[in-house]
């Protein structure tokens, strides 16, 4: 079967490598970013002056002395690596792509949207204040994560279920 819009199968190990490296580091950053051994710091001029006033009062990266802003982008880099890894793993072509795999992929995507919507509704009802921003940040990973987990789970379990079903029929 000719599938469109899937990445080559050779990319799948790259996606797994990205996930294996970035997920533990990303979790480490969530738990204790002060003890994280790597950083990616950039500095650039801040054109709005060196005074913290108005909308810029809560900008912690602003250096008062020379009017520059310093950003540590390691958490953004880890988030991008997790998203890229999930996308590659989820949407890389399998060695054998047939109608059954396409159906499993479609059902997994549907479950991911249902699951994400359920998590989002529960969080809207139960989480308030500034914690809601963190929930929204984590929510951007939920659809891809549910899709990858369900699709690969079905790839592992579906052959065993079909064999069991055939034994019952016979």
C-alpha atoms as a PDB file:
ATOM      1  CA  UNK A   1       0.000   0.000   0.000  1.00  0.00           C
ATOM      2  CA  UNK A   2       1.304   3.434  -0.923  1.00  0.00           C
ATOM      3  CA  UNK A   3       1.205   5.732   2.098  1.00  0.00           C
ATOM      4  CA  UNK A   4       1.477   9.470   1.840  1.00  0.00           C
ATOM      5  CA  UNK A   5       2.905  11.942   4.298  1.00  0.00           C
ATOM      6  CA  UNK A   6       4.909   9.456   6.369  1.00  0.00           C
ATOM      7  CA  UNK A   7       8.590   9.811   7.132  1.00  0.00           C
ATOM      8  CA  UNK A   8      11.027   7.163   5.899  1.00  0.00           C
ATOM      9  CA  UNK A   9      11.496   4.101   8.099  1.00  0.00           C
ATOM     10  CA  UNK A  10      15.202   4.894   8.457  1.00  0.00           C
ATOM     11  CA  UNK A  11      14.306   7.930  10.591  1.00  0.00           C
ATOM     12  CA  UNK A  12      12.654   5.849  13.332  1.00  0.00           C
ATOM     13  CA  UNK A  13      15.940   5.133  15.224  1.00  0.00           C
ATOM     14  CA  UNK A  14      16.685   8.866  15.181  1.00  0.00           C
ATOM     15  CA  UNK A  15      13.291   9.532  16.776  1.00  0.00           C
ATOM     16  CA  UNK A  16      13.847   6.879  19.445  1.00  0.00           C
ATOM     17  CA  UNK A  17      17.317   8.302  20.174  1.00  0.00           C
ATOM     18  CA  UNK A  18      15.868  11.803  20.566  1.00  0.00           C
ATOM     19  CA  UNK A  19      13.227  10.476  22.962  1.00  0.00           C
ATOM     20  CA  UNK A  20      15.640   8.367  24.992  1.00  0.00           C
ATOM     21  CA  UNK A  21      17.969  11.330  25.444  1.00  0.00           C
ATOM     22  CA  UNK A  22      15.500  14.187  25.858  1.00  0.00           C
ATOM     23  CA  UNK A  23      12.780  12.654  28.055  1.00  0.00           C
ATOM     24  CA  UNK A  24      15.023  11.954  31.090  1.00  0.00           C
ATOM     25  CA  UNK A  25      16.742  15.316  30.727  1.00  0.00           C
ATOM     26  CA  UNK A  26      13.362  17.038  30.338  1.00  0.00           C
ATOM     27  CA  UNK A  27      12.043  15.338  33.475  1.00  0.00           C
ATOM     28  CA  UNK A  28      15.211  16.345  35.313  1.00  0.00           C
ATOM     29  CA  UNK A  29      14.615  19.951  34.279  1.00  0.00           C
ATOM     30  CA  UNK A  30      11.049  19.745  35.569  1.00  0.00           C
ATOM     31  CA  UNK A  31      12.119  18.379  38.939  1.00  0.00           C
ATOM     32  CA  UNK A  32      15.246  20.424  39.648  1.00  0.00           C
ATOM     33  CA  UNK A  33      16.539  22.734  36.936  1.00  0.00           C
ATOM     34  CA  UNK A  34      19.126  24.301  39.246  1.00  0.00           C
ATOM     35  CA  UNK A  35      21.156  21.056  39.363  1.00  0.00           C
ATOM     36  CA  UNK A  36      21.011  20.509  35.603  1.00  0.00           C
ATOM     37  CA  UNK A  37      24.578  20.145  34.254  1.00  0.00           C
ATOM     38  CA  UNK A  38      24.028  21.703  30.816  1.00  0.00           C
ATOM     39  CA  UNK A  39      22.813  25.101  29.788  1.00  0.00           C
ATOM     40  CA  UNK A  40      22.309  27.030  26.603  1.00  0.00           C
ATOM     41  CA  UNK A  41      22.578  30.686  27.537  1.00  0.00           C
ATOM     42  CA  UNK A  42      22.212  33.522  25.063  1.00  0.00           C
ATOM     43  CA  UNK A  43      22.408  37.241  25.712  1.00  0.00           C
ATOM     44  CA  UNK A  44      21.042  40.010  23.578  1.00  0.00           C
ATOM     45  CA  UNK A  45      20.261  43.706  24.034  1.00  0.00           C
ATOM     46  CA  UNK A  46      16.931  44.582  25.599  1.00  0.00           C
ATOM     47  CA  UNK A  47      15.583  47.632  23.710  1.00  0.00           C
ATOM     48  CA  UNK A  48      13.091  48.645  26.403  1.00  0.00           C
ATOM     49  CA  UNK A  49      15.684  50.059  28.791  1.00  0.00           C
ATOM     50  CA  UNK A  50      17.241  48.637  31.898  1.00  0.00           C
ATOM     51  CA  UNK A  51      14.424  49.533  34.289  1.00  0.00           C
ATOM     52  CA  UNK A  52      11.924  46.894  35.312  1.00  0.00           C
ATOM     53  CA  UNK A  53       8.630  48.704  34.971  1.00  0.00           C
ATOM     54  CA  UNK A  54       5.146  48.148  33.684  1.00  0.00           C
ATOM     55  CA  UNK A  55       4.625  44.886  31.838  1.00  0.00           C
ATOM     56  CA  UNK A  56       8.309  43.980  32.233  1.00  0.00           C
ATOM     57  CA  UNK A  57       8.405  43.883  36.057  1.00  0.00           C
ATOM     58  CA  UNK A  58       8.448  40.097  36.234  1.00  0.00           C
ATOM     59  CA  UNK A  59      11.221  39.511  33.719  1.00  0.00           C
ATOM     60  CA  UNK A  60      13.881  37.816  35.832  1.00  0.00           C
ATOM     61  CA  UNK A  61      16.426  37.585  33.016  1.00  0.00           C
ATOM     62  CA  UNK A  62      16.800  41.370  32.678  1.00  0.00           C
ATOM     63  CA  UNK A  63      20.223  42.623  33.731  1.00  0.00           C
ATOM     64  CA  UNK A  64      19.928  46.109  35.241  1.00  0.00           C
ATOM     65  CA  UNK A  65      23.484  47.198  34.536  1.00  0.00           C
ATOM     66  CA  UNK A  66      23.847  46.988  30.790  1.00  0.00           C
ATOM     67  CA  UNK A  67      20.272  46.521  29.531  1.00  0.00           C
ATOM     68  CA  UNK A  68      20.766  43.021  28.163  1.00  0.00           C
ATOM     69  CA  UNK A  69      18.538  40.039  28.589  1.00  0.00           C
ATOM     70  CA  UNK A  70      19.909  36.565  29.305  1.00  0.00           C
ATOM     71  CA  UNK A  71      17.934  33.467  28.412  1.00  0.00           C
ATOM     72  CA  UNK A  72      18.692  29.853  29.250  1.00  0.00           C
ATOM     73  CA  UNK A  73      17.106  27.929  26.388  1.00  0.00           C
ATOM     74  CA  UNK A  74      17.881  24.367  27.521  1.00  0.00           C
ATOM     75  CA  UNK A  75      14.290  23.653  28.591  1.00  0.00           C
ATOM     76  CA  UNK A  76      12.984  24.864  25.235  1.00  0.00           C
ATOM     77  CA  UNK A  77      15.572  22.705  23.467  1.00  0.00           C
ATOM     78  CA  UNK A  78      14.482  19.635  25.476  1.00  0.00           C
ATOM     79  CA  UNK A  79      10.807  20.317  24.724  1.00  0.00           C
ATOM     80  CA  UNK A  80      11.567  20.604  21.004  1.00  0.00           C
ATOM     81  CA  UNK A  81      13.598  17.380  21.118  1.00  0.00           C
ATOM     82  CA  UNK A  82      10.722  15.522  22.822  1.00  0.00           C
ATOM     83  CA  UNK A  83       8.211  16.826  20.270  1.00  0.00           C
ATOM     84  CA  UNK A  84      10.510  15.995  17.345  1.00  0.00           C
ATOM     85  CA  UNK A  85      11.180  12.518  18.738  1.00  0.00           C
ATOM     86  CA  UNK A  86       7.480  11.809  19.244  1.00  0.00           C
ATOM     87  CA  UNK A  87       6.655  13.077  15.751  1.00  0.00           C
ATOM     88  CA  UNK A  88       9.352  10.962  14.121  1.00  0.00           C
ATOM     89  CA  UNK A  89       8.493   7.815  16.097  1.00  0.00           C
ATOM     90  CA  UNK A  90       4.773   8.273  15.544  1.00  0.00           C
ATOM     91  CA  UNK A  91       4.842   9.148  11.866  1.00  0.00           C
ATOM     92  CA  UNK A  92       7.760   7.159  10.490  1.00  0.00           C
ATOM     93  CA  UNK A  93       6.756   4.472   8.037  1.00  0.00           C
ATOM     94  CA  UNK A  94       6.917   0.887   9.279  1.00  0.00           C
ATOM     95  CA  UNK A  95       8.760  -1.734   7.247  1.00  0.00           C
ATOM     96  CA  UNK A  96       5.401  -3.219   6.248  1.00  0.00           C
ATOM     97  CA  UNK A  97       2.685  -0.624   5.758  1.00  0.00           C
ATOM     98  CA  UNK A  98      -0.657  -2.233   4.964  1.00  0.00           C
ATOM     99  CA  UNK A  99      -4.329  -1.431   5.507  1.00  0.00           C
ATOM    100  CA  UNK A 100      -4.262  -2.876   9.026  1.00  0.00           C
ATOM    101  CA  UNK A 101      -1.390  -0.577  10.043  1.00  0.00           C
ATOM    102  CA  UNK A 102      -3.155   2.397   8.483  1.00  0.00           C
ATOM    103  CA  UNK A 103      -6.294   1.528  10.458  1.00  0.00           C
ATOM    104  CA  UNK A 104      -4.300   1.181  13.695  1.00  0.00           C
ATOM    105  CA  UNK A 105      -2.642   4.525  13.015  1.00  0.00           C
ATOM    106  CA  UNK A 106      -6.008   6.203  12.412  1.00  0.00           C
ATOM    107  CA  UNK A 107      -7.608   4.674  15.512  1.00  0.00           C
ATOM    108  CA  UNK A 108      -4.612   5.665  17.638  1.00  0.00           C
ATOM    109  CA  UNK A 109      -4.820   9.225  16.375  1.00  0.00           C
ATOM    110  CA  UNK A 110      -8.527   9.298  17.191  1.00  0.00           C
ATOM    111  CA  UNK A 111      -7.866   7.965  20.704  1.00  0.00           C
ATOM    112  CA  UNK A 112      -5.149  10.584  21.165  1.00  0.00           C
ATOM    113  CA  UNK A 113      -7.582  13.395  20.373  1.00  0.00           C
ATOM    114  CA  UNK A 114     -10.257  11.920  22.659  1.00  0.00           C
ATOM    115  CA  UNK A 115      -7.721  11.429  25.454  1.00  0.00           C
ATOM    116  CA  UNK A 116      -6.277  14.896  25.065  1.00  0.00           C
ATOM    117  CA  UNK A 117      -9.737  16.449  25.108  1.00  0.00           C
ATOM    118  CA  UNK A 118     -10.662  14.528  28.261  1.00  0.00           C
ATOM    119  CA  UNK A 119      -7.437  15.569  30.020  1.00  0.00           C
ATOM    120  CA  UNK A 120      -7.980  19.172  28.924  1.00  0.00           C
ATOM    121  CA  UNK A 121     -11.595  19.267  30.161  1.00  0.00           C
ATOM    122  CA  UNK A 122     -10.605  17.776  33.522  1.00  0.00           C
ATOM    123  CA  UNK A 123      -7.771  20.261  33.901  1.00  0.00           C
ATOM    124  CA  UNK A 124     -10.022  23.199  33.008  1.00  0.00           C
ATOM    125  CA  UNK A 125     -12.454  22.067  35.705  1.00  0.00           C
ATOM    126  CA  UNK A 126      -9.910  21.167  38.387  1.00  0.00           C
ATOM    127  CA  UNK A 127      -6.829  23.399  37.927  1.00  0.00           C
ATOM    128  CA  UNK A 128      -6.893  27.142  38.455  1.00  0.00           C
ATOM    129  CA  UNK A 129      -4.490  30.034  38.722  1.00  0.00           C
ATOM    130  CA  UNK A 130      -0.907  29.983  37.536  1.00  0.00           C
ATOM    131  CA  UNK A 131      -0.786  26.178  37.724  1.00  0.00           C
ATOM    132  CA  UNK A 132      -3.082  26.175  34.699  1.00  0.00           C
ATOM    133  CA  UNK A 133      -0.246  27.573  32.576  1.00  0.00           C
ATOM    134  CA  UNK A 134       1.887  24.552  33.493  1.00  0.00           C
ATOM    135  CA  UNK A 135      -1.027  22.279  32.597  1.00  0.00           C
ATOM    136  CA  UNK A 136      -1.249  23.931  29.174  1.00  0.00           C
ATOM    137  CA  UNK A 137       2.486  23.446  28.668  1.00  0.00           C
ATOM    138  CA  UNK A 138       2.229  19.733  29.478  1.00  0.00           C
ATOM    139  CA  UNK A 139      -0.914  19.463  27.375  1.00  0.00           C
ATOM    140  CA  UNK A 140       1.010  20.165  24.189  1.00  0.00           C
ATOM    141  CA  UNK A 141       2.768  16.790  24.618  1.00  0.00           C
ATOM    142  CA  UNK A 142      -0.368  14.798  25.431  1.00  0.00           C
ATOM    143  CA  UNK A 143      -1.764  14.095  21.926  1.00  0.00           C
ATOM    144  CA  UNK A 144       1.562  12.924  20.524  1.00  0.00           C
ATOM    145  CA  UNK A 145       2.336  10.880  23.621  1.00  0.00           C
ATOM    146  CA  UNK A 146      -1.045   9.134  23.660  1.00  0.00           C
ATOM    147  CA  UNK A 147      -0.807   8.482  19.916  1.00  0.00           C
ATOM    148  CA  UNK A 148       2.676   6.960  20.084  1.00  0.00           C
ATOM    149  CA  UNK A 149       1.880   4.864  23.163  1.00  0.00           C
ATOM    150  CA  UNK A 150      -1.408   3.520  21.798  1.00  0.00           C
ATOM    151  CA  UNK A 151      -0.107   2.874  18.275  1.00  0.00           C
ATOM    152  CA  UNK A 152       2.940   0.963  19.447  1.00  0.00           C
ATOM    153  CA  UNK A 153       0.897  -0.880  22.078  1.00  0.00           C
ATOM    154  CA  UNK A 154      -1.530  -1.998  19.374  1.00  0.00           C
ATOM    155  CA  UNK A 155       1.378  -3.071  17.185  1.00  0.00           C
ATOM    156  CA  UNK A 156       2.552  -5.321  20.006  1.00  0.00           C
ATOM    157  CA  UNK A 157      -0.838  -6.589  21.209  1.00  0.00           C
ATOM    158  CA  UNK A 158      -2.907  -6.741  17.997  1.00  0.00           C
ATOM    159  CA  UNK A 159      -1.210  -9.853  16.523  1.00  0.00           C
ATOM    160  CA  UNK A 160      -1.748 -11.745  19.793  1.00  0.00           C
ATOM    161  CA  UNK A 161      -5.402 -10.667  19.925  1.00  0.00           C
ATOM    162  CA  UNK A 162      -5.977 -11.740  16.319  1.00  0.00           C
ATOM    163  CA  UNK A 163      -4.367 -15.136  16.976  1.00  0.00           C
ATOM    164  CA  UNK A 164      -6.571 -15.606  20.051  1.00  0.00           C
ATOM    165  CA  UNK A 165      -9.650 -14.638  18.058  1.00  0.00           C
ATOM    166  CA  UNK A 166      -8.764 -17.105  15.291  1.00  0.00           C
ATOM    167  CA  UNK A 167      -8.299 -19.923  17.841  1.00  0.00           C
ATOM    168  CA  UNK A 168     -11.764 -19.238  19.272  1.00  0.00           C
ATOM    169  CA  UNK A 169     -13.356 -19.300  15.798  1.00  0.00           C
ATOM    170  CA  UNK A 170     -11.610 -22.508  14.741  1.00  0.00           C
END
